[in-house]
């Protein structure tokens, strides 16, 4: 019985592997050599292929979910807590530096 279960699992895994490869396409990129080497090191340290890492990045970059930032209840409750009378922070900082370095 255990042997039959192993064969069933093996067939299932093979099917998933074949199914996932049907959508794979090649992509050639030209990148700085040091970036490639650092990416390979990162991928190896994190036990992920470089292709999968780039695929995940592009998916996150292009997914609609990533574009819509959800505001957590905590952040929503803090919104508007501090009232700022003077919104010219750049001028205030410039004045501060001018006085500091006179």
Protein backbone atom coordinates (compact mmCIF):
# COMPACT_ATOMS: atom_id res chain seq x y z
CA UNK A 1 0.00 0.00 0.00
CA UNK A 2 2.83 2.40 0.84
CA UNK A 3 4.42 1.70 -2.57
CA UNK A 4 1.16 2.53 -4.38
CA UNK A 5 0.87 5.80 -2.43
CA UNK A 6 4.44 6.77 -3.34
CA UNK A 7 3.75 6.11 -7.02
CA UNK A 8 0.57 8.16 -6.83
CA UNK A 9 2.43 11.06 -5.24
CA UNK A 10 5.26 10.75 -7.77
CA UNK A 11 2.77 10.88 -10.67
CA UNK A 12 1.06 13.88 -9.09
CA UNK A 13 4.36 15.72 -8.66
CA UNK A 14 5.38 14.90 -12.21
CA UNK A 15 2.05 16.26 -13.46
CA UNK A 16 2.55 19.50 -11.50
CA UNK A 17 6.06 19.87 -12.85
CA UNK A 18 4.94 19.37 -16.44
CA UNK A 19 1.98 21.67 -15.95
CA UNK A 20 4.13 24.49 -14.54
CA UNK A 21 6.59 24.27 -17.41
CA UNK A 22 3.89 24.84 -20.03
CA UNK A 23 3.84 28.56 -19.25
CA UNK A 24 7.58 29.13 -18.85
CA UNK A 25 9.34 31.33 -21.39
CA UNK A 26 12.93 32.39 -21.79
CA UNK A 27 14.05 35.94 -21.14
CA UNK A 28 17.51 37.32 -21.80
CA UNK A 29 18.67 40.25 -19.69
CA UNK A 30 21.81 42.35 -19.87
CA UNK A 31 22.89 43.38 -16.37
CA UNK A 32 26.02 44.58 -14.65
CA UNK A 33 28.24 41.60 -13.77
CA UNK A 34 28.48 42.54 -10.08
CA UNK A 35 24.68 42.70 -9.80
CA UNK A 36 24.40 39.23 -11.30
CA UNK A 37 27.01 37.81 -8.94
CA UNK A 38 25.38 39.40 -5.88
CA UNK A 39 21.97 38.15 -6.99
CA UNK A 40 23.34 34.61 -7.40
CA UNK A 41 24.80 34.73 -3.89
CA UNK A 42 21.52 36.03 -2.47
CA UNK A 43 19.53 33.36 -4.31
CA UNK A 44 21.81 30.59 -3.07
CA UNK A 45 21.69 31.84 0.53
CA UNK A 46 17.88 31.96 0.36
CA UNK A 47 17.52 28.61 -1.43
CA UNK A 48 15.70 30.05 -4.45
CA UNK A 49 16.62 30.04 -8.11
CA UNK A 50 17.58 33.31 -9.73
CA UNK A 51 14.80 32.82 -12.27
CA UNK A 52 12.19 32.35 -9.54
CA UNK A 53 13.50 35.37 -7.66
CA UNK A 54 13.14 37.58 -10.75
CA UNK A 55 9.74 36.08 -11.54
CA UNK A 56 8.51 36.87 -8.01
CA UNK A 57 9.83 40.42 -8.25
CA UNK A 58 8.12 41.05 -11.59
CA UNK A 59 4.90 39.51 -10.31
CA UNK A 60 4.93 41.75 -7.23
CA UNK A 61 5.74 44.78 -9.36
CA UNK A 62 2.93 44.21 -11.84
CA UNK A 63 0.18 42.77 -9.64
CA UNK A 64 -2.85 44.93 -8.94
CA UNK A 65 -2.76 43.90 -5.30
CA UNK A 66 0.62 45.61 -4.88
CA UNK A 67 -0.69 48.88 -6.31
CA UNK A 68 -3.52 49.17 -3.81
CA UNK A 69 -1.94 49.79 -0.42
CA UNK A 70 -4.30 48.83 2.36
CA UNK A 71 -4.26 51.10 5.38
CA UNK A 72 -4.25 49.11 8.60
CA UNK A 73 -6.75 50.03 11.33
CA UNK A 74 -3.90 51.30 13.54
CA UNK A 75 -2.62 53.68 10.87
CA UNK A 76 -6.16 54.82 10.10
CA UNK A 77 -6.74 55.58 13.79
CA UNK A 78 -3.55 57.68 13.93
CA UNK A 79 -4.34 59.68 10.80
CA UNK A 80 -4.99 63.32 11.70
CA UNK A 81 -3.90 62.97 15.35
CA UNK A 82 -1.27 65.69 15.03
CA UNK A 83 -2.39 69.07 13.74
CA UNK A 84 0.33 71.06 12.02
CA UNK A 85 -0.15 74.81 11.90
CA UNK A 86 2.97 75.52 9.86
CA UNK A 87 3.45 73.22 6.90
CA UNK A 88 6.59 75.00 5.63
CA UNK A 89 9.08 72.55 7.17
CA UNK A 90 11.74 73.26 4.55
CA UNK A 91 11.82 76.96 5.41
CA UNK A 92 11.91 76.19 9.15
CA UNK A 93 14.81 73.80 8.66
CA UNK A 94 16.68 76.30 6.50
CA UNK A 95 16.20 78.97 9.17
CA UNK A 96 17.41 76.55 11.85
CA UNK A 97 20.58 75.76 9.88
CA UNK A 98 21.20 79.43 9.16
CA UNK A 99 21.03 80.28 12.86
CA UNK A 100 23.12 77.28 13.83
CA UNK A 101 26.01 78.08 11.50
CA UNK A 102 26.14 81.90 11.90
